[in-house]
Amino acid sequence: MPLEGEVRALECARDILTAGGGLFYEFRTDKDQLMKQGDVVGENECVTDYYRRLISFGEFCDRLADLGFAINMRVAKRGLAKLGDDDPTVGRIVTRKSG
């Protein structure tokens, strides 16, 4: 999903959730090996077998905080979503809407 779509989705989640409502995220980060593969189509965006945007973990956490989400758990590393020979650098975040 492009950055603009991500921001719209997060804003919608903020507007829909009641205080204490939770969201859970898992995504490939911009530290993943796919950053060096495929055709580059934008900042942190490439096309391998399909379109991908690899997300800056710190920037994503900042966007969540700016939108009023408390981050209850966050981790970014390899080993979280290994499948066969693929061991991506994945970010996982658990949030709650503040308020």
PDB file of N, CA and C in Angstrom:
ATOM      1  N   MET A   1       0.852  -1.163   0.000  1.00  0.00           N
ATOM      2  CA  MET A   1       0.000   0.000   0.000  1.00  0.00           C
ATOM      3  C   MET A   1       0.903   1.233   0.000  1.00  0.00           C
ATOM      4  N   PRO A   2       0.641   2.174  -0.853  1.00  0.00           N
ATOM      5  CA  PRO A   2       1.422   3.418  -0.846  1.00  0.00           C
ATOM      6  C   PRO A   2       1.244   4.172   0.477  1.00  0.00           C
ATOM      7  N   LEU A   3       2.171   5.062   0.774  1.00  0.00           N
ATOM      8  CA  LEU A   3       2.149   5.829   2.020  1.00  0.00           C
ATOM      9  C   LEU A   3       0.828   6.568   2.203  1.00  0.00           C
ATOM     10  N   GLU A   4       0.318   7.175   1.147  1.00  0.00           N
ATOM     11  CA  GLU A   4      -0.940   7.932   1.262  1.00  0.00           C
ATOM     12  C   GLU A   4      -2.088   7.029   1.709  1.00  0.00           C
ATOM     13  N   GLY A   5      -2.138   5.814   1.184  1.00  0.00           N
ATOM     14  CA  GLY A   5      -3.169   4.863   1.592  1.00  0.00           C
ATOM     15  C   GLY A   5      -2.998   4.431   3.040  1.00  0.00           C
ATOM     16  N   GLU A   6      -1.749   4.248   3.446  1.00  0.00           N
ATOM     17  CA  GLU A   6      -1.478   3.891   4.842  1.00  0.00           C
ATOM     18  C   GLU A   6      -1.987   4.975   5.780  1.00  0.00           C
ATOM     19  N   VAL A   7      -1.665   6.224   5.474  1.00  0.00           N
ATOM     20  CA  VAL A   7      -2.078   7.336   6.335  1.00  0.00           C
ATOM     21  C   VAL A   7      -3.600   7.407   6.407  1.00  0.00           C
ATOM     22  N   ARG A   8      -4.279   7.265   5.272  1.00  0.00           N
ATOM     23  CA  ARG A   8      -5.755   7.287   5.275  1.00  0.00           C
ATOM     24  C   ARG A   8      -6.324   6.144   6.117  1.00  0.00           C
ATOM     25  N   ALA A   9      -5.745   4.960   5.989  1.00  0.00           N
ATOM     26  CA  ALA A   9      -6.229   3.808   6.756  1.00  0.00           C
ATOM     27  C   ALA A   9      -6.032   4.027   8.253  1.00  0.00           C
ATOM     28  N   LEU A  10      -4.886   4.568   8.641  1.00  0.00           N
ATOM     29  CA  LEU A  10      -4.636   4.842  10.063  1.00  0.00           C
ATOM     30  C   LEU A  10      -5.583   5.907  10.598  1.00  0.00           C
ATOM     31  N   GLU A  11      -5.842   6.934   9.789  1.00  0.00           N
ATOM     32  CA  GLU A  11      -6.791   7.968  10.216  1.00  0.00           C
ATOM     33  C   GLU A  11      -8.187   7.392  10.379  1.00  0.00           C
ATOM     34  N   CYS A  12      -8.604   6.525   9.473  1.00  0.00           N
ATOM     35  CA  CYS A  12      -9.922   5.878   9.587  1.00  0.00           C
ATOM     36  C   CYS A  12      -9.991   5.017  10.843  1.00  0.00           C
ATOM     37  N   ALA A  13      -8.927   4.272  11.107  1.00  0.00           N
ATOM     38  CA  ALA A  13      -8.895   3.437  12.309  1.00  0.00           C
ATOM     39  C   ALA A  13      -9.023   4.302  13.557  1.00  0.00           C
ATOM     40  N   ARG A  14      -8.302   5.409  13.585  1.00  0.00           N
ATOM     41  CA  ARG A  14      -8.381   6.337  14.719  1.00  0.00           C
ATOM     42  C   ARG A  14      -9.817   6.842  14.905  1.00  0.00           C
ATOM     43  N   ASP A  15     -10.469   7.177  13.801  1.00  0.00           N
ATOM     44  CA  ASP A  15     -11.812   7.738  13.865  1.00  0.00           C
ATOM     45  C   ASP A  15     -12.865   6.703  14.249  1.00  0.00           C
ATOM     46  N   ILE A  16     -12.644   5.459  13.907  1.00  0.00           N
ATOM     47  CA  ILE A  16     -13.631   4.398  14.149  1.00  0.00           C
ATOM     48  C   ILE A  16     -13.489   3.771  15.533  1.00  0.00           C
ATOM     49  N   LEU A  17     -12.244   3.553  15.969  1.00  0.00           N
ATOM     50  CA  LEU A  17     -12.023   2.867  17.241  1.00  0.00           C
ATOM     51  C   LEU A  17     -12.434   3.727  18.427  1.00  0.00           C
ATOM     52  N   THR A  18     -12.952   3.071  19.445  1.00  0.00           N
ATOM     53  CA  THR A  18     -13.201   3.750  20.704  1.00  0.00           C
ATOM     54  C   THR A  18     -11.910   3.725  21.527  1.00  0.00           C
ATOM     55  N   ALA A  19     -11.842   4.540  22.562  1.00  0.00           N
ATOM     56  CA  ALA A  19     -10.659   4.571  23.424  1.00  0.00           C
ATOM     57  C   ALA A  19     -10.359   3.167  23.937  1.00  0.00           C
ATOM     58  N   GLY A  20      -9.118   2.768  23.845  1.00  0.00           N
ATOM     59  CA  GLY A  20      -8.700   1.439  24.286  1.00  0.00           C
ATOM     60  C   GLY A  20      -8.771   0.387  23.201  1.00  0.00           C
ATOM     61  N   GLY A  21      -9.384   0.740  22.057  1.00  0.00           N
ATOM     62  CA  GLY A  21      -9.459  -0.201  20.945  1.00  0.00           C
ATOM     63  C   GLY A  21      -8.074  -0.523  20.410  1.00  0.00           C
ATOM     64  N   GLY A  22      -7.851  -1.751  20.020  1.00  0.00           N
ATOM     65  CA  GLY A  22      -6.514  -2.184  19.623  1.00  0.00           C
ATOM     66  C   GLY A  22      -6.357  -2.432  18.144  1.00  0.00           C
ATOM     67  N   LEU A  23      -5.144  -2.263  17.694  1.00  0.00           N
ATOM     68  CA  LEU A  23      -4.745  -2.608  16.335  1.00  0.00           C
ATOM     69  C   LEU A  23      -3.425  -3.363  16.404  1.00  0.00           C
ATOM     70  N   PHE A  24      -3.258  -4.305  15.485  1.00  0.00           N
ATOM     71  CA  PHE A  24      -2.079  -5.146  15.438  1.00  0.00           C
ATOM     72  C   PHE A  24      -1.507  -5.088  14.028  1.00  0.00           C
ATOM     73  N   TYR A  25      -0.213  -4.879  13.908  1.00  0.00           N
ATOM     74  CA  TYR A  25       0.427  -4.697  12.602  1.00  0.00           C
ATOM     75  C   TYR A  25       1.568  -5.685  12.446  1.00  0.00           C
ATOM     76  N   GLU A  26       1.750  -6.165  11.218  1.00  0.00           N
ATOM     77  CA  GLU A  26       2.937  -6.918  10.845  1.00  0.00           C
ATOM     78  C   GLU A  26       3.272  -6.541   9.411  1.00  0.00           C
ATOM     79  N   PHE A  27       4.544  -6.201   9.167  1.00  0.00           N
ATOM     80  CA  PHE A  27       4.940  -5.740   7.840  1.00  0.00           C
ATOM     81  C   PHE A  27       6.437  -5.919   7.656  1.00  0.00           C
ATOM     82  N   ARG A  28       6.845  -6.004   6.402  1.00  0.00           N
ATOM     83  CA  ARG A  28       8.270  -6.009   6.081  1.00  0.00           C
ATOM     84  C   ARG A  28       8.799  -4.592   6.245  1.00  0.00           C
ATOM     85  N   THR A  29       9.972  -4.488   6.856  1.00  0.00           N
ATOM     86  CA  THR A  29      10.561  -3.173   7.061  1.00  0.00           C
ATOM     87  C   THR A  29      11.522  -2.839   5.930  1.00  0.00           C
ATOM     88  N   ASP A  30      11.965  -1.598   5.924  1.00  0.00           N
ATOM     89  CA  ASP A  30      12.924  -1.164   4.913  1.00  0.00           C
ATOM     90  C   ASP A  30      14.324  -1.726   5.166  1.00  0.00           C
ATOM     91  N   LYS A  31      14.483  -2.525   6.204  1.00  0.00           N
ATOM     92  CA  LYS A  31      15.748  -3.227   6.462  1.00  0.00           C
ATOM     93  C   LYS A  31      15.743  -4.618   5.840  1.00  0.00           C
ATOM     94  N   ASP A  32      14.640  -5.000   5.193  1.00  0.00           N
ATOM     95  CA  ASP A  32      14.505  -6.324   4.590  1.00  0.00           C
ATOM     96  C   ASP A  32      15.363  -6.449   3.331  1.00  0.00           C
ATOM     97  N   GLN A  33      15.772  -7.659   3.034  1.00  0.00           N
ATOM     98  CA  GLN A  33      16.596  -7.918   1.864  1.00  0.00           C
ATOM     99  C   GLN A  33      15.888  -7.583   0.552  1.00  0.00           C
ATOM    100  N   LEU A  34      14.584  -7.476   0.535  1.00  0.00           N
ATOM    101  CA  LEU A  34      13.863  -7.118  -0.689  1.00  0.00           C
ATOM    102  C   LEU A  34      14.134  -5.687  -1.131  1.00  0.00           C
ATOM    103  N   MET A  35      14.695  -4.862  -0.244  1.00  0.00           N
ATOM    104  CA  MET A  35      15.036  -3.487  -0.637  1.00  0.00           C
ATOM    105  C   MET A  35      16.050  -3.477  -1.777  1.00  0.00           C
ATOM    106  N   LYS A  36      16.761  -4.579  -1.944  1.00  0.00           N
ATOM    107  CA  LYS A  36      17.798  -4.648  -2.975  1.00  0.00           C
ATOM    108  C   LYS A  36      17.342  -5.445  -4.187  1.00  0.00           C
ATOM    109  N   GLN A  37      16.072  -5.802  -4.254  1.00  0.00           N
ATOM    110  CA  GLN A  37      15.576  -6.640  -5.339  1.00  0.00           C
ATOM    111  C   GLN A  37      14.461  -5.932  -6.098  1.00  0.00           C
ATOM    112  N   GLY A  38      14.177  -6.426  -7.284  1.00  0.00           N
ATOM    113  CA  GLY A  38      13.063  -5.916  -8.069  1.00  0.00           C
ATOM    114  C   GLY A  38      13.350  -4.567  -8.703  1.00  0.00           C
ATOM    115  N   ASP A  39      12.309  -4.004  -9.274  1.00  0.00           N
ATOM    116  CA  ASP A  39      12.390  -2.700  -9.923  1.00  0.00           C
ATOM    117  C   ASP A  39      11.942  -1.629  -8.943  1.00  0.00           C
ATOM    118  N   VAL A  40      12.784  -0.641  -8.708  1.00  0.00           N
ATOM    119  CA  VAL A  40      12.449   0.454  -7.804  1.00  0.00           C
ATOM    120  C   VAL A  40      11.420   1.358  -8.487  1.00  0.00           C
ATOM    121  N   VAL A  41      10.315   1.637  -7.790  1.00  0.00           N
ATOM    122  CA  VAL A  41       9.260   2.491  -8.349  1.00  0.00           C
ATOM    123  C   VAL A  41       8.970   3.703  -7.466  1.00  0.00           C
ATOM    124  N   GLY A  42       9.691   3.845  -6.351  1.00  0.00           N
ATOM    125  CA  GLY A  42       9.517   4.981  -5.456  1.00  0.00           C
ATOM    126  C   GLY A  42      10.354   4.764  -4.217  1.00  0.00           C
ATOM    127  N   GLU A  43      10.299   5.731  -3.304  1.00  0.00           N
ATOM    128  CA  GLU A  43      11.055   5.602  -2.065  1.00  0.00           C
ATOM    129  C   GLU A  43      10.524   4.419  -1.262  1.00  0.00           C
ATOM    130  N   ASN A  44      11.380   3.455  -0.980  1.00  0.00           N
ATOM    131  CA  ASN A  44      11.016   2.220  -0.265  1.00  0.00           C
ATOM    132  C   ASN A  44       9.965   1.400  -1.005  1.00  0.00           C
ATOM    133  N   GLU A  45       9.826   1.612  -2.309  1.00  0.00           N
ATOM    134  CA  GLU A  45       8.836   0.878  -3.101  1.00  0.00           C
ATOM    135  C   GLU A  45       9.536   0.128  -4.228  1.00  0.00           C
ATOM    136  N   CYS A  46       9.112  -1.106  -4.428  1.00  0.00           N
ATOM    137  CA  CYS A  46       9.673  -1.896  -5.519  1.00  0.00           C
ATOM    138  C   CYS A  46       8.605  -2.859  -6.031  1.00  0.00           C
ATOM    139  N   VAL A  47       8.880  -3.398  -7.191  1.00  0.00           N
ATOM    140  CA  VAL A  47       8.035  -4.447  -7.749  1.00  0.00           C
ATOM    141  C   VAL A  47       8.919  -5.670  -7.923  1.00  0.00           C
ATOM    142  N   THR A  48       8.597  -6.726  -7.210  1.00  0.00           N
ATOM    143  CA  THR A  48       9.262  -8.011  -7.398  1.00  0.00           C
ATOM    144  C   THR A  48       8.249  -8.868  -8.148  1.00  0.00           C
ATOM    145  N   ASP A  49       7.626  -9.800  -7.454  1.00  0.00           N
ATOM    146  CA  ASP A  49       6.515 -10.537  -8.068  1.00  0.00           C
ATOM    147  C   ASP A  49       5.223  -9.732  -7.973  1.00  0.00           C
ATOM    148  N   TYR A  50       5.210  -8.676  -7.152  1.00  0.00           N
ATOM    149  CA  TYR A  50       4.114  -7.705  -7.068  1.00  0.00           C
ATOM    150  C   TYR A  50       4.629  -6.450  -6.375  1.00  0.00           C
ATOM    151  N   TYR A  51       3.802  -5.435  -6.289  1.00  0.00           N
ATOM    152  CA  TYR A  51       4.178  -4.159  -5.661  1.00  0.00           C
ATOM    153  C   TYR A  51       4.405  -4.356  -4.169  1.00  0.00           C
ATOM    154  N   ARG A  52       5.454  -3.744  -3.665  1.00  0.00           N
ATOM    155  CA  ARG A  52       5.732  -3.757  -2.230  1.00  0.00           C
ATOM    156  C   ARG A  52       6.230  -2.373  -1.799  1.00  0.00           C
ATOM    157  N   ARG A  53       5.802  -1.951  -0.630  1.00  0.00           N
ATOM    158  CA  ARG A  53       6.406  -0.791   0.020  1.00  0.00           C
ATOM    159  C   ARG A  53       6.937  -1.283   1.344  1.00  0.00           C
ATOM    160  N   LEU A  54       8.231  -1.177   1.521  1.00  0.00           N
ATOM    161  CA  LEU A  54       8.878  -1.622   2.741  1.00  0.00           C
ATOM    162  C   LEU A  54       8.935  -0.429   3.691  1.00  0.00           C
ATOM    163  N   ILE A  55       8.428  -0.627   4.887  1.00  0.00           N
ATOM    164  CA  ILE A  55       8.111   0.477   5.783  1.00  0.00           C
ATOM    165  C   ILE A  55       9.245   0.745   6.768  1.00  0.00           C
ATOM    166  N   SER A  56       9.554   2.019   6.963  1.00  0.00           N
ATOM    167  CA  SER A  56      10.486   2.429   8.005  1.00  0.00           C
ATOM    168  C   SER A  56       9.803   2.216   9.354  1.00  0.00           C
ATOM    169  N   PHE A  57      10.374   1.340  10.162  1.00  0.00           N
ATOM    170  CA  PHE A  57       9.767   0.979  11.441  1.00  0.00           C
ATOM    171  C   PHE A  57       9.606   2.201  12.348  1.00  0.00           C
ATOM    172  N   GLY A  58      10.665   2.995  12.483  1.00  0.00           N
ATOM    173  CA  GLY A  58      10.605   4.175  13.350  1.00  0.00           C
ATOM    174  C   GLY A  58       9.590   5.201  12.879  1.00  0.00           C
ATOM    175  N   GLU A  59       9.552   5.453  11.568  1.00  0.00           N
ATOM    176  CA  GLU A  59       8.590   6.419  11.028  1.00  0.00           C
ATOM    177  C   GLU A  59       7.156   5.945  11.229  1.00  0.00           C
ATOM    178  N   PHE A  60       6.919   4.638  11.076  1.00  0.00           N
ATOM    179  CA  PHE A  60       5.576   4.094  11.281  1.00  0.00           C
ATOM    180  C   PHE A  60       5.158   4.274  12.744  1.00  0.00           C
ATOM    181  N   CYS A  61       6.057   3.980  13.671  1.00  0.00           N
ATOM    182  CA  CYS A  61       5.756   4.179  15.095  1.00  0.00           C
ATOM    183  C   CYS A  61       5.449   5.646  15.387  1.00  0.00           C
ATOM    184  N   ASP A  62       6.202   6.549  14.776  1.00  0.00           N
ATOM    185  CA  ASP A  62       5.946   7.986  14.949  1.00  0.00           C
ATOM    186  C   ASP A  62       4.569   8.364  14.425  1.00  0.00           C
ATOM    187  N   ARG A  63       4.177   7.831  13.252  1.00  0.00           N
ATOM    188  CA  ARG A  63       2.846   8.137  12.701  1.00  0.00           C
ATOM    189  C   ARG A  63       1.751   7.663  13.648  1.00  0.00           C
ATOM    190  N   LEU A  64       1.920   6.465  14.202  1.00  0.00           N
ATOM    191  CA  LEU A  64       0.922   5.948  15.144  1.00  0.00           C
ATOM    192  C   LEU A  64       0.791   6.863  16.361  1.00  0.00           C
ATOM    193  N   ALA A  65       1.916   7.261  16.918  1.00  0.00           N
ATOM    194  CA  ALA A  65       1.890   8.135  18.098  1.00  0.00           C
ATOM    195  C   ALA A  65       1.254   9.478  17.764  1.00  0.00           C
ATOM    196  N   ASP A  66       1.584  10.030  16.607  1.00  0.00           N
ATOM    197  CA  ASP A  66       1.015  11.318  16.193  1.00  0.00           C
ATOM    198  C   ASP A  66      -0.504  11.244  16.043  1.00  0.00           C
ATOM    199  N   LEU A  67      -1.020  10.058  15.715  1.00  0.00           N
ATOM    200  CA  LEU A  67      -2.458   9.886  15.536  1.00  0.00           C
ATOM    201  C   LEU A  67      -3.172   9.496  16.832  1.00  0.00           C
ATOM    202  N   GLY A  68      -2.433   9.409  17.930  1.00  0.00           N
ATOM    203  CA  GLY A  68      -3.069   9.131  19.219  1.00  0.00           C
ATOM    204  C   GLY A  68      -3.112   7.670  19.607  1.00  0.00           C
ATOM    205  N   PHE A  69      -2.209   6.879  19.071  1.00  0.00           N
ATOM    206  CA  PHE A  69      -2.140   5.470  19.445  1.00  0.00           C
ATOM    207  C   PHE A  69      -0.980   5.249  20.400  1.00  0.00           C
ATOM    208  N   ALA A  70      -1.245   4.533  21.489  1.00  0.00           N
ATOM    209  CA  ALA A  70      -0.186   4.132  22.414  1.00  0.00           C
ATOM    210  C   ALA A  70       0.371   2.803  21.918  1.00  0.00           C
ATOM    211  N   ILE A  71       1.669   2.700  21.875  1.00  0.00           N
ATOM    212  CA  ILE A  71       2.305   1.463  21.413  1.00  0.00           C
ATOM    213  C   ILE A  71       2.604   0.603  22.629  1.00  0.00           C
ATOM    214  N   ASN A  72       1.936  -0.557  22.685  1.00  0.00           N
ATOM    215  CA  ASN A  72       2.093  -1.463  23.816  1.00  0.00           C
ATOM    216  C   ASN A  72       3.216  -2.472  23.605  1.00  0.00           C
ATOM    217  N   MET A  73       3.505  -2.807  22.363  1.00  0.00           N
ATOM    218  CA  MET A  73       4.565  -3.751  22.051  1.00  0.00           C
ATOM    219  C   MET A  73       5.066  -3.431  20.660  1.00  0.00           C
ATOM    220  N   ARG A  74       6.393  -3.466  20.498  1.00  0.00           N
ATOM    221  CA  ARG A  74       6.957  -3.287  19.173  1.00  0.00           C
ATOM    222  C   ARG A  74       8.275  -4.044  19.088  1.00  0.00           C
ATOM    223  N   VAL A  75       8.456  -4.660  17.938  1.00  0.00           N
ATOM    224  CA  VAL A  75       9.678  -5.407  17.678  1.00  0.00           C
ATOM    225  C   VAL A  75       9.886  -5.428  16.168  1.00  0.00           C
ATOM    226  N   ALA A  76      11.145  -5.352  15.777  1.00  0.00           N
ATOM    227  CA  ALA A  76      11.493  -5.451  14.357  1.00  0.00           C
ATOM    228  C   ALA A  76      12.762  -6.280  14.254  1.00  0.00           C
ATOM    229  N   LYS A  77      12.657  -7.432  13.589  1.00  0.00           N
ATOM    230  CA  LYS A  77      13.819  -8.298  13.429  1.00  0.00           C
ATOM    231  C   LYS A  77      13.493  -9.447  12.482  1.00  0.00           C
ATOM    232  N   ARG A  78      14.528 -10.164  12.135  1.00  0.00           N
ATOM    233  CA  ARG A  78      14.353 -11.390  11.357  1.00  0.00           C
ATOM    234  C   ARG A  78      13.936 -12.496  12.313  1.00  0.00           C
ATOM    235  N   GLY A  79      13.386 -13.568  11.741  1.00  0.00           N
ATOM    236  CA  GLY A  79      13.009 -14.720  12.543  1.00  0.00           C
ATOM    237  C   GLY A  79      11.557 -14.721  12.983  1.00  0.00           C
ATOM    238  N   LEU A  80      10.814 -13.667  12.702  1.00  0.00           N
ATOM    239  CA  LEU A  80       9.411 -13.583  13.122  1.00  0.00           C
ATOM    240  C   LEU A  80       8.436 -14.191  12.120  1.00  0.00           C
ATOM    241  N   ALA A  81       8.845 -14.274  10.864  1.00  0.00           N
ATOM    242  CA  ALA A  81       7.922 -14.734   9.815  1.00  0.00           C
ATOM    243  C   ALA A  81       8.656 -15.586   8.785  1.00  0.00           C
ATOM    244  N   LYS A  82       9.509 -16.469   9.271  1.00  0.00           N
ATOM    245  CA  LYS A  82      10.298 -17.306   8.376  1.00  0.00           C
ATOM    246  C   LYS A  82       9.401 -18.314   7.673  1.00  0.00           C
ATOM    247  N   LEU A  83       9.622 -18.447   6.367  1.00  0.00           N
ATOM    248  CA  LEU A  83       8.885 -19.423   5.569  1.00  0.00           C
ATOM    249  C   LEU A  83       9.857 -19.989   4.537  1.00  0.00           C
ATOM    250  N   GLY A  84      10.230 -21.223   4.693  1.00  0.00           N
ATOM    251  CA  GLY A  84      11.207 -21.818   3.791  1.00  0.00           C
ATOM    252  C   GLY A  84      12.530 -21.082   3.898  1.00  0.00           C
ATOM    253  N   ASP A  85      13.040 -20.645   2.750  1.00  0.00           N
ATOM    254  CA  ASP A  85      14.301 -19.895   2.724  1.00  0.00           C
ATOM    255  C   ASP A  85      14.108 -18.402   2.970  1.00  0.00           C
ATOM    256  N   ASP A  86      12.882 -17.940   3.045  1.00  0.00           N
ATOM    257  CA  ASP A  86      12.599 -16.513   3.232  1.00  0.00           C
ATOM    258  C   ASP A  86      12.517 -16.195   4.721  1.00  0.00           C
ATOM    259  N   ASP A  87      13.390 -15.310   5.172  1.00  0.00           N
ATOM    260  CA  ASP A  87      13.402 -14.871   6.570  1.00  0.00           C
ATOM    261  C   ASP A  87      13.428 -13.341   6.581  1.00  0.00           C
ATOM    262  N   PRO A  88      12.278 -12.704   6.324  1.00  0.00           N
ATOM    263  CA  PRO A  88      12.245 -11.251   6.182  1.00  0.00           C
ATOM    264  C   PRO A  88      12.478 -10.524   7.500  1.00  0.00           C
ATOM    265  N   THR A  89      12.914  -9.273   7.379  1.00  0.00           N
ATOM    266  CA  THR A  89      12.973  -8.385   8.532  1.00  0.00           C
ATOM    267  C   THR A  89      11.574  -7.795   8.679  1.00  0.00           C
ATOM    268  N   VAL A  90      10.904  -8.202   9.736  1.00  0.00           N
ATOM    269  CA  VAL A  90       9.492  -7.889   9.933  1.00  0.00           C
ATOM    270  C   VAL A  90       9.329  -6.988  11.150  1.00  0.00           C
ATOM    271  N   GLY A  91       8.384  -6.071  11.045  1.00  0.00           N
ATOM    272  CA  GLY A  91       7.982  -5.270  12.178  1.00  0.00           C
ATOM    273  C   GLY A  91       6.638  -5.768  12.699  1.00  0.00           C
ATOM    274  N   ARG A  92       6.517  -5.868  13.990  1.00  0.00           N
ATOM    275  CA  ARG A  92       5.238  -6.201  14.644  1.00  0.00           C
ATOM    276  C   ARG A  92       4.968  -5.154  15.708  1.00  0.00           C
ATOM    277  N   ILE A  93       3.741  -4.659  15.696  1.00  0.00           N
ATOM    278  CA  ILE A  93       3.357  -3.599  16.634  1.00  0.00           C
ATOM    279  C   ILE A  93       1.952  -3.891  17.159  1.00  0.00           C
ATOM    280  N   VAL A  94       1.767  -3.701  18.453  1.00  0.00           N
ATOM    281  CA  VAL A  94       0.451  -3.793  19.100  1.00  0.00           C
ATOM    282  C   VAL A  94       0.162  -2.404  19.656  1.00  0.00           C
ATOM    283  N   THR A  95      -0.977  -1.828  19.273  1.00  0.00           N
ATOM    284  CA  THR A  95      -1.340  -0.486  19.716  1.00  0.00           C
ATOM    285  C   THR A  95      -2.724  -0.471  20.368  1.00  0.00           C
ATOM    286  N   ARG A  96      -2.957   0.571  21.109  1.00  0.00           N
ATOM    287  CA  ARG A  96      -4.270   0.879  21.668  1.00  0.00           C
ATOM    288  C   ARG A  96      -4.551   2.343  21.411  1.00  0.00           C
ATOM    289  N   LYS A  97      -5.793   2.645  21.089  1.00  0.00           N
ATOM    290  CA  LYS A  97      -6.157   4.045  20.906  1.00  0.00           C
ATOM    291  C   LYS A  97      -6.199   4.724  22.264  1.00  0.00           C
ATOM    292  N   SER A  98      -5.473   5.816  22.374  1.00  0.00           N
ATOM    293  CA  SER A  98      -5.442   6.581  23.631  1.00  0.00           C
ATOM    294  C   SER A  98      -6.769   7.320  23.805  1.00  0.00           C
ATOM    295  N   GLY A  99      -6.993   7.766  24.985  1.00  0.00           N
ATOM    296  CA  GLY A  99      -8.168   8.592  25.186  1.00  0.00           C
ATOM    297  C   GLY A  99      -8.920   8.183  26.341  1.00  0.00           C
TER     298      GLY A  99
END
